[in-house]
PDB file of N, CA and C in Angstrom:
ATOM      1  N   MET A   1    -157.138  92.905 191.561  1.00  0.00           N
ATOM      2  CA  MET A   1    -158.099  92.719 192.628  1.00  0.00           C
ATOM      3  C   MET A   1    -158.675  91.312 192.513  1.00  0.00           C
ATOM      4  N   ARG A   2    -158.805  90.669 193.631  1.00  0.00           N
ATOM      5  CA  ARG A   2    -159.430  89.345 193.660  1.00  0.00           C
ATOM      6  C   ARG A   2    -160.927  89.513 193.811  1.00  0.00           C
ATOM      7  N   LYS A   3    -161.667  88.616 193.213  1.00  0.00           N
ATOM      8  CA  LYS A   3    -163.122  88.659 193.319  1.00  0.00           C
ATOM      9  C   LYS A   3    -163.628  87.274 193.698  1.00  0.00           C
ATOM     10  N   PHE A   4    -164.775  87.275 194.337  1.00  0.00           N
ATOM     11  CA  PHE A   4    -165.446  86.011 194.597  1.00  0.00           C
ATOM     12  C   PHE A   4    -166.942  86.234 194.464  1.00  0.00           C
ATOM     13  N   THR A   5    -167.649  85.169 194.223  1.00  0.00           N
ATOM     14  CA  THR A   5    -169.093  85.244 194.072  1.00  0.00           C
ATOM     15  C   THR A   5    -169.740  84.666 195.315  1.00  0.00           C
ATOM     16  N   LEU A   6    -170.740  85.371 195.795  1.00  0.00           N
ATOM     17  CA  LEU A   6    -171.444  84.943 196.991  1.00  0.00           C
ATOM     18  C   LEU A   6    -172.937  85.016 196.707  1.00  0.00           C
ATOM     19  N   GLU A   7    -173.618  83.939 196.929  1.00  0.00           N
ATOM     20  CA  GLU A   7    -175.065  83.940 196.752  1.00  0.00           C
ATOM     21  C   GLU A   7    -175.713  84.252 198.090  1.00  0.00           C
ATOM     22  N   VAL A   8    -176.582  85.260 198.101  1.00  0.00           N
ATOM     23  CA  VAL A   8    -177.297  85.611 199.316  1.00  0.00           C
ATOM     24  C   VAL A   8    -178.776  85.741 199.000  1.00  0.00           C
ATOM     25  N   SER A   9    -179.569  85.416 199.976  1.00  0.00           N
ATOM     26  CA  SER A   9    -181.009  85.593 199.833  1.00  0.00           C
ATOM     27  C   SER A   9    -181.345  87.065 200.016  1.00  0.00           C
ATOM     28  N   GLU A  10    -182.541  87.429 199.659  1.00  0.00           N
ATOM     29  CA  GLU A  10    -182.970  88.814 199.832  1.00  0.00           C
ATOM     30  C   GLU A  10    -182.968  89.203 201.307  1.00  0.00           C
ATOM     31  N   GLN A  11    -183.325  88.280 202.181  1.00  0.00           N
ATOM     32  CA  GLN A  11    -183.323  88.565 203.611  1.00  0.00           C
ATOM     33  C   GLN A  11    -181.906  88.815 204.123  1.00  0.00           C
ATOM     34  N   ASN A  12    -180.967  88.000 203.684  1.00  0.00           N
ATOM     35  CA  ASN A  12    -179.583  88.195 204.121  1.00  0.00           C
ATOM     36  C   ASN A  12    -178.989  89.466 203.531  1.00  0.00           C
ATOM     37  N   PHE A  13    -179.345  89.776 202.299  1.00  0.00           N
ATOM     38  CA  PHE A  13    -178.899  91.034 201.716  1.00  0.00           C
ATOM     39  C   PHE A  13    -179.397  92.200 202.570  1.00  0.00           C
ATOM     40  N   SER A  14    -180.627  92.131 203.012  1.00  0.00           N
ATOM     41  CA  SER A  14    -181.200  93.196 203.823  1.00  0.00           C
ATOM     42  C   SER A  14    -180.401  93.397 205.113  1.00  0.00           C
ATOM     43  N   LEU A  15    -179.973  92.305 205.733  1.00  0.00           N
ATOM     44  CA  LEU A  15    -179.154  92.409 206.946  1.00  0.00           C
ATOM     45  C   LEU A  15    -177.823  93.095 206.652  1.00  0.00           C
ATOM     46  N   VAL A  16    -177.203  92.725 205.554  1.00  0.00           N
ATOM     47  CA  VAL A  16    -175.937  93.354 205.165  1.00  0.00           C
ATOM     48  C   VAL A  16    -176.159  94.827 204.865  1.00  0.00           C
ATOM     49  N   TRP A  17    -177.238  95.136 204.146  1.00  0.00           N
ATOM     50  CA  TRP A  17    -177.542  96.521 203.778  1.00  0.00           C
ATOM     51  C   TRP A  17    -177.746  97.385 205.026  1.00  0.00           C
ATOM     52  N   ARG A  18    -178.495  96.847 205.987  1.00  0.00           N
ATOM     53  CA  ARG A  18    -178.725  97.581 207.237  1.00  0.00           C
ATOM     54  C   ARG A  18    -177.417  97.794 207.992  1.00  0.00           C
ATOM     55  N   SER A  19    -176.565  96.792 208.003  1.00  0.00           N
ATOM     56  CA  SER A  19    -175.282  96.906 208.697  1.00  0.00           C
ATOM     57  C   SER A  19    -174.394  97.956 208.047  1.00  0.00           C
ATOM     58  N   LEU A  20    -174.376  97.992 206.725  1.00  0.00           N
ATOM     59  CA  LEU A  20    -173.574  98.998 206.026  1.00  0.00           C
ATOM     60  C   LEU A  20    -174.103 100.404 206.303  1.00  0.00           C
ATOM     61  N   ASN A  21    -175.407 100.542 206.381  1.00  0.00           N
ATOM     62  CA  ASN A  21    -175.983 101.847 206.702  1.00  0.00           C
ATOM     63  C   ASN A  21    -175.664 102.261 208.133  1.00  0.00           C
ATOM     64  N   ALA A  22    -175.653 101.303 209.056  1.00  0.00           N
ATOM     65  CA  ALA A  22    -175.284 101.608 210.443  1.00  0.00           C
ATOM     66  C   ALA A  22    -173.820 102.037 210.515  1.00  0.00           C
ATOM     67  N   LEU A  23    -172.961 101.365 209.764  1.00  0.00           N
ATOM     68  CA  LEU A  23    -171.554 101.749 209.729  1.00  0.00           C
ATOM     69  C   LEU A  23    -171.394 103.156 209.150  1.00  0.00           C
ATOM     70  N   GLU A  24    -172.157 103.465 208.108  1.00  0.00           N
ATOM     71  CA  GLU A  24    -172.113 104.801 207.513  1.00  0.00           C
ATOM     72  C   GLU A  24    -172.506 105.868 208.544  1.00  0.00           C
ATOM     73  N   GLU A  25    -173.548 105.603 209.291  1.00  0.00           N
ATOM     74  CA  GLU A  25    -173.976 106.543 210.337  1.00  0.00           C
ATOM     75  C   GLU A  25    -172.883 106.735 211.384  1.00  0.00           C
ATOM     76  N   ASN A  26    -172.228 105.649 211.773  1.00  0.00           N
ATOM     77  CA  ASN A  26    -171.155 105.747 212.771  1.00  0.00           C
ATOM     78  C   ASN A  26    -169.981 106.560 212.238  1.00  0.00           C
ATOM     79  N   LEU A  27    -169.632 106.363 210.977  1.00  0.00           N
ATOM     80  CA  LEU A  27    -168.538 107.138 210.394  1.00  0.00           C
ATOM     81  C   LEU A  27    -168.884 108.626 210.347  1.00  0.00           C
ATOM     82  N   LEU A  28    -170.131 108.931 210.014  1.00  0.00           N
ATOM     83  CA  LEU A  28    -170.559 110.331 209.993  1.00  0.00           C
ATOM     84  C   LEU A  28    -170.484 110.957 211.382  1.00  0.00           C
ATOM     85  N   LYS A  29    -170.809 110.182 212.416  1.00  0.00           N
ATOM     86  CA  LYS A  29    -170.709 110.689 213.791  1.00  0.00           C
ATOM     87  C   LYS A  29    -169.259 110.974 214.163  1.00  0.00           C
ATOM     88  N   VAL A  30    -168.359 110.099 213.767  1.00  0.00           N
ATOM     89  CA  VAL A  30    -166.938 110.310 214.052  1.00  0.00           C
ATOM     90  C   VAL A  30    -166.453 111.575 213.353  1.00  0.00           C
ATOM     91  N   ILE A  31    -166.849 111.745 212.098  1.00  0.00           N
ATOM     92  CA  ILE A  31    -166.450 112.938 211.359  1.00  0.00           C
ATOM     93  C   ILE A  31    -166.972 114.186 212.055  1.00  0.00           C
ATOM     94  N   ASP A  32    -168.234 114.173 212.442  1.00  0.00           N
ATOM     95  CA  ASP A  32    -168.812 115.332 213.139  1.00  0.00           C
ATOM     96  C   ASP A  32    -168.095 115.626 214.449  1.00  0.00           C
ATOM     97  N   GLU A  33    -167.748 114.564 215.167  1.00  0.00           N
ATOM     98  CA  GLU A  33    -167.134 114.745 216.485  1.00  0.00           C
ATOM     99  C   GLU A  33    -165.696 115.261 216.408  1.00  0.00           C
ATOM    100  N   TYR A  34    -164.956 114.830 215.403  1.00  0.00           N
ATOM    101  CA  TYR A  34    -163.529 115.136 215.371  1.00  0.00           C
ATOM    102  C   TYR A  34    -163.089 116.094 214.264  1.00  0.00           C
ATOM    103  N   GLU A  35    -164.006 116.590 213.448  1.00  0.00           N
ATOM    104  CA  GLU A  35    -163.591 117.430 212.325  1.00  0.00           C
ATOM    105  C   GLU A  35    -162.962 118.747 212.757  1.00  0.00           C
ATOM    106  N   ASP A  36    -163.291 119.253 213.924  1.00  0.00           N
ATOM    107  CA  ASP A  36    -162.733 120.525 214.398  1.00  0.00           C
ATOM    108  C   ASP A  36    -161.553 120.355 215.344  1.00  0.00           C
ATOM    109  N   ASP A  37    -161.114 119.112 215.538  1.00  0.00           N
ATOM    110  CA  ASP A  37    -159.993 118.834 216.434  1.00  0.00           C
ATOM    111  C   ASP A  37    -158.695 118.768 215.620  1.00  0.00           C
ATOM    112  N   PRO A  38    -157.849 119.800 215.713  1.00  0.00           N
ATOM    113  CA  PRO A  38    -156.624 119.823 214.905  1.00  0.00           C
ATOM    114  C   PRO A  38    -155.608 118.757 215.306  1.00  0.00           C
ATOM    115  N   ASP A  39    -155.775 118.175 216.490  1.00  0.00           N
ATOM    116  CA  ASP A  39    -154.824 117.157 216.958  1.00  0.00           C
ATOM    117  C   ASP A  39    -155.245 115.736 216.605  1.00  0.00           C
ATOM    118  N   SER A  40    -156.371 115.600 215.938  1.00  0.00           N
ATOM    119  CA  SER A  40    -156.877 114.268 215.632  1.00  0.00           C
ATOM    120  C   SER A  40    -157.005 114.064 214.127  1.00  0.00           C
ATOM    121  N   GLU A  41    -156.600 112.887 213.701  1.00  0.00           N
ATOM    122  CA  GLU A  41    -156.759 112.518 212.299  1.00  0.00           C
ATOM    123  C   GLU A  41    -157.971 111.608 212.097  1.00  0.00           C
ATOM    124  N   LEU A  42    -158.727 111.394 213.155  1.00  0.00           N
ATOM    125  CA  LEU A  42    -159.856 110.466 213.073  1.00  0.00           C
ATOM    126  C   LEU A  42    -160.885 110.885 212.028  1.00  0.00           C
ATOM    127  N   ALA A  43    -161.169 112.169 211.925  1.00  0.00           N
ATOM    128  CA  ALA A  43    -162.152 112.630 210.947  1.00  0.00           C
ATOM    129  C   ALA A  43    -161.677 112.323 209.528  1.00  0.00           C
ATOM    130  N   ALA A  44    -160.399 112.519 209.273  1.00  0.00           N
ATOM    131  CA  ALA A  44    -159.852 112.239 207.940  1.00  0.00           C
ATOM    132  C   ALA A  44    -159.914 110.744 207.635  1.00  0.00           C
ATOM    133  N   PHE A  45    -159.531 109.925 208.605  1.00  0.00           N
ATOM    134  CA  PHE A  45    -159.593 108.474 208.400  1.00  0.00           C
ATOM    135  C   PHE A  45    -161.029 108.014 208.171  1.00  0.00           C
ATOM    136  N   ALA A  46    -161.949 108.530 208.975  1.00  0.00           N
ATOM    137  CA  ALA A  46    -163.360 108.169 208.833  1.00  0.00           C
ATOM    138  C   ALA A  46    -163.892 108.652 207.485  1.00  0.00           C
ATOM    139  N   GLY A  47    -163.451 109.821 207.053  1.00  0.00           N
ATOM    140  CA  GLY A  47    -163.874 110.340 205.753  1.00  0.00           C
ATOM    141  C   GLY A  47    -163.418 109.444 204.612  1.00  0.00           C
ATOM    142  N   ASN A  48    -162.178 108.963 204.687  1.00  0.00           N
ATOM    143  CA  ASN A  48    -161.691 108.029 203.674  1.00  0.00           C
ATOM    144  C   ASN A  48    -162.507 106.746 203.667  1.00  0.00           C
ATOM    145  N   ASP A  49    -162.753 106.216 204.859  1.00  0.00           N
ATOM    146  CA  ASP A  49    -163.557 104.993 204.963  1.00  0.00           C
ATOM    147  C   ASP A  49    -164.961 105.219 204.418  1.00  0.00           C
ATOM    148  N   LEU A  50    -165.512 106.386 204.670  1.00  0.00           N
ATOM    149  CA  LEU A  50    -166.854 106.710 204.201  1.00  0.00           C
ATOM    150  C   LEU A  50    -166.913 106.725 202.674  1.00  0.00           C
ATOM    151  N   VAL A  51    -165.903 107.267 202.038  1.00  0.00           N
ATOM    152  CA  VAL A  51    -165.863 107.289 200.572  1.00  0.00           C
ATOM    153  C   VAL A  51    -165.858 105.865 200.024  1.00  0.00           C
ATOM    154  N   TYR A  52    -164.971 105.012 200.576  1.00  0.00           N
ATOM    155  CA  TYR A  52    -164.910 103.626 200.113  1.00  0.00           C
ATOM    156  C   TYR A  52    -166.216 102.885 200.386  1.00  0.00           C
ATOM    157  N   LEU A  53    -166.799 103.118 201.540  1.00  0.00           N
ATOM    158  CA  LEU A  53    -168.054 102.462 201.896  1.00  0.00           C
ATOM    159  C   LEU A  53    -169.160 102.858 200.921  1.00  0.00           C
ATOM    160  N   ARG A  54    -169.273 104.127 200.612  1.00  0.00           N
ATOM    161  CA  ARG A  54    -170.329 104.582 199.709  1.00  0.00           C
ATOM    162  C   ARG A  54    -170.123 104.046 198.295  1.00  0.00           C
ATOM    163  N   LEU A  55    -168.875 103.959 197.855  1.00  0.00           N
ATOM    164  CA  LEU A  55    -168.609 103.360 196.537  1.00  0.00           C
ATOM    165  C   LEU A  55    -169.028 101.891 196.530  1.00  0.00           C
ATOM    166  N   TYR A  56    -168.711 101.185 197.607  1.00  0.00           N
ATOM    167  CA  TYR A  56    -169.099  99.781 197.702  1.00  0.00           C
ATOM    168  C   TYR A  56    -170.618  99.639 197.746  1.00  0.00           C
ATOM    169  N   LYS A  57    -171.273 100.505 198.508  1.00  0.00           N
ATOM    170  CA  LYS A  57    -172.731 100.429 198.601  1.00  0.00           C
ATOM    171  C   LYS A  57    -173.382 100.664 197.236  1.00  0.00           C
ATOM    172  N   ASP A  58    -172.837 101.593 196.465  1.00  0.00           N
ATOM    173  CA  ASP A  58    -173.376 101.845 195.124  1.00  0.00           C
ATOM    174  C   ASP A  58    -173.283 100.589 194.253  1.00  0.00           C
ATOM    175  N   GLU A  59    -172.134  99.934 194.310  1.00  0.00           N
ATOM    176  CA  GLU A  59    -171.928  98.716 193.534  1.00  0.00           C
ATOM    177  C   GLU A  59    -172.849  97.593 194.023  1.00  0.00           C
ATOM    178  N   LEU A  60    -172.964  97.477 195.329  1.00  0.00           N
ATOM    179  CA  LEU A  60    -173.818  96.444 195.914  1.00  0.00           C
ATOM    180  C   LEU A  60    -175.284  96.686 195.573  1.00  0.00           C
ATOM    181  N   GLU A  61    -175.714  97.943 195.635  1.00  0.00           N
ATOM    182  CA  GLU A  61    -177.094  98.282 195.304  1.00  0.00           C
ATOM    183  C   GLU A  61    -177.404  97.933 193.852  1.00  0.00           C
ATOM    184  N   LYS A  62    -176.488  98.246 192.957  1.00  0.00           N
ATOM    185  CA  LYS A  62    -176.692  97.923 191.543  1.00  0.00           C
ATOM    186  C   LYS A  62    -176.821  96.408 191.350  1.00  0.00           C
ATOM    187  N   SER A  63    -175.953  95.657 192.001  1.00  0.00           N
ATOM    188  CA  SER A  63    -176.006  94.194 191.892  1.00  0.00           C
ATOM    189  C   SER A  63    -177.320  93.645 192.429  1.00  0.00           C
ATOM    190  N   ALA A  64    -177.779  94.181 193.539  1.00  0.00           N
ATOM    191  CA  ALA A  64    -179.033  93.708 194.132  1.00  0.00           C
ATOM    192  C   ALA A  64    -180.220  94.045 193.233  1.00  0.00           C
ATOM    193  N   LYS A  65    -180.190  95.229 192.647  1.00  0.00           N
ATOM    194  CA  LYS A  65    -181.280  95.595 191.742  1.00  0.00           C
ATOM    195  C   LYS A  65    -181.239  94.769 190.464  1.00  0.00           C
ATOM    196  N   ASP A  66    -180.047  94.441 189.982  1.00  0.00           N
ATOM    197  CA  ASP A  66    -179.918  93.552 188.822  1.00  0.00           C
ATOM    198  C   ASP A  66    -180.453  92.163 189.139  1.00  0.00           C
ATOM    199  N   ALA A  67    -180.354  91.762 190.409  1.00  0.00           N
ATOM    200  CA  ALA A  67    -180.873  90.470 190.849  1.00  0.00           C
ATOM    201  C   ALA A  67    -182.367  90.535 191.141  1.00  0.00           C
ATOM    202  N   VAL A  68    -182.968  91.678 190.904  1.00  0.00           N
ATOM    203  CA  VAL A  68    -184.403  91.935 191.072  1.00  0.00           C
ATOM    204  C   VAL A  68    -184.844  91.755 192.526  1.00  0.00           C
ATOM    205  N   PHE A  69    -184.015  92.229 193.456  1.00  0.00           N
ATOM    206  CA  PHE A  69    -184.448  92.269 194.851  1.00  0.00           C
ATOM    207  C   PHE A  69    -185.495  93.367 194.981  1.00  0.00           C
ATOM    208  N   SER A  70    -186.473  93.135 195.822  1.00  0.00           N
ATOM    209  CA  SER A  70    -187.545  94.107 196.014  1.00  0.00           C
ATOM    210  C   SER A  70    -187.035  95.322 196.776  1.00  0.00           C
ATOM    211  N   GLU A  71    -187.794  96.393 196.713  1.00  0.00           N
ATOM    212  CA  GLU A  71    -187.421  97.618 197.434  1.00  0.00           C
ATOM    213  C   GLU A  71    -187.385  97.382 198.945  1.00  0.00           C
ATOM    214  N   SER A  72    -188.154  96.415 199.439  1.00  0.00           N
ATOM    215  CA  SER A  72    -188.144  96.151 200.879  1.00  0.00           C
ATOM    216  C   SER A  72    -186.789  95.608 201.343  1.00  0.00           C
ATOM    217  N   ALA A  73    -185.987  95.055 200.426  1.00  0.00           N
ATOM    218  CA  ALA A  73    -184.656  94.568 200.793  1.00  0.00           C
ATOM    219  C   ALA A  73    -183.746  95.724 201.182  1.00  0.00           C
ATOM    220  N   PHE A  74    -184.071  96.939 200.726  1.00  0.00           N
ATOM    221  CA  PHE A  74    -183.262  98.111 201.016  1.00  0.00           C
ATOM    222  C   PHE A  74    -183.813  98.907 202.208  1.00  0.00           C
ATOM    223  N   SER A  75    -184.854  98.399 202.815  1.00  0.00           N
ATOM    224  CA  SER A  75    -185.492  99.088 203.930  1.00  0.00           C
ATOM    225  C   SER A  75    -184.571  99.101 205.141  1.00  0.00           C
ATOM    226  N   LEU A  76    -184.609 100.199 205.887  1.00  0.00           N
ATOM    227  CA  LEU A  76    -183.790 100.299 207.082  1.00  0.00           C
ATOM    228  C   LEU A  76    -184.612 100.140 208.357  1.00  0.00           C
ATOM    229  N   ASN A  77    -185.908  99.828 208.216  1.00  0.00           N
ATOM    230  CA  ASN A  77    -186.705  99.634 209.412  1.00  0.00           C
ATOM    231  C   ASN A  77    -186.510  98.212 209.924  1.00  0.00           C
ATOM    232  N   ASP A  78    -187.109  97.902 211.047  1.00  0.00           N
ATOM    233  CA  ASP A  78    -186.861  96.616 211.698  1.00  0.00           C
ATOM    234  C   ASP A  78    -187.870  95.529 211.344  1.00  0.00           C
ATOM    235  N   GLU A  79    -188.676  95.760 210.310  1.00  0.00           N
ATOM    236  CA  GLU A  79    -189.642  94.724 209.962  1.00  0.00           C
ATOM    237  C   GLU A  79    -188.932  93.509 209.361  1.00  0.00           C
ATOM    238  N   VAL A  80    -189.520  92.347 209.557  1.00  0.00           N
ATOM    239  CA  VAL A  80    -188.947  91.103 209.066  1.00  0.00           C
ATOM    240  C   VAL A  80    -189.375  90.886 207.627  1.00  0.00           C
ATOM    241  N   LEU A  81    -188.424  90.538 206.774  1.00  0.00           N
ATOM    242  CA  LEU A  81    -188.738  90.227 205.382  1.00  0.00           C
ATOM    243  C   LEU A  81    -189.234  88.804 205.285  1.00  0.00           C
ATOM    244  N   GLU A  82    -190.167  88.581 204.412  1.00  0.00           N
ATOM    245  CA  GLU A  82    -190.669  87.217 204.213  1.00  0.00           C
ATOM    246  C   GLU A  82    -190.310  86.698 202.858  1.00  0.00           C
TER     247      GLU A  82
END
């Protein structure tokens, strides 16, 4: 696996965190919508993506906490970070 290092501010991390949470919500909606449809594989594909996304979020959260980002960086509300 290739790796790279990216420096982000707490504000930019918050934007990424919110986006990942929005993607997670969308994947859950797809799973709910298509899980009972025997002709569709969308729920299975979304489920796989959801697993990878949650694993990535766990790793990202640990890195952010190691960087001593405040709890407000993980907030999902629309307030502006300062």
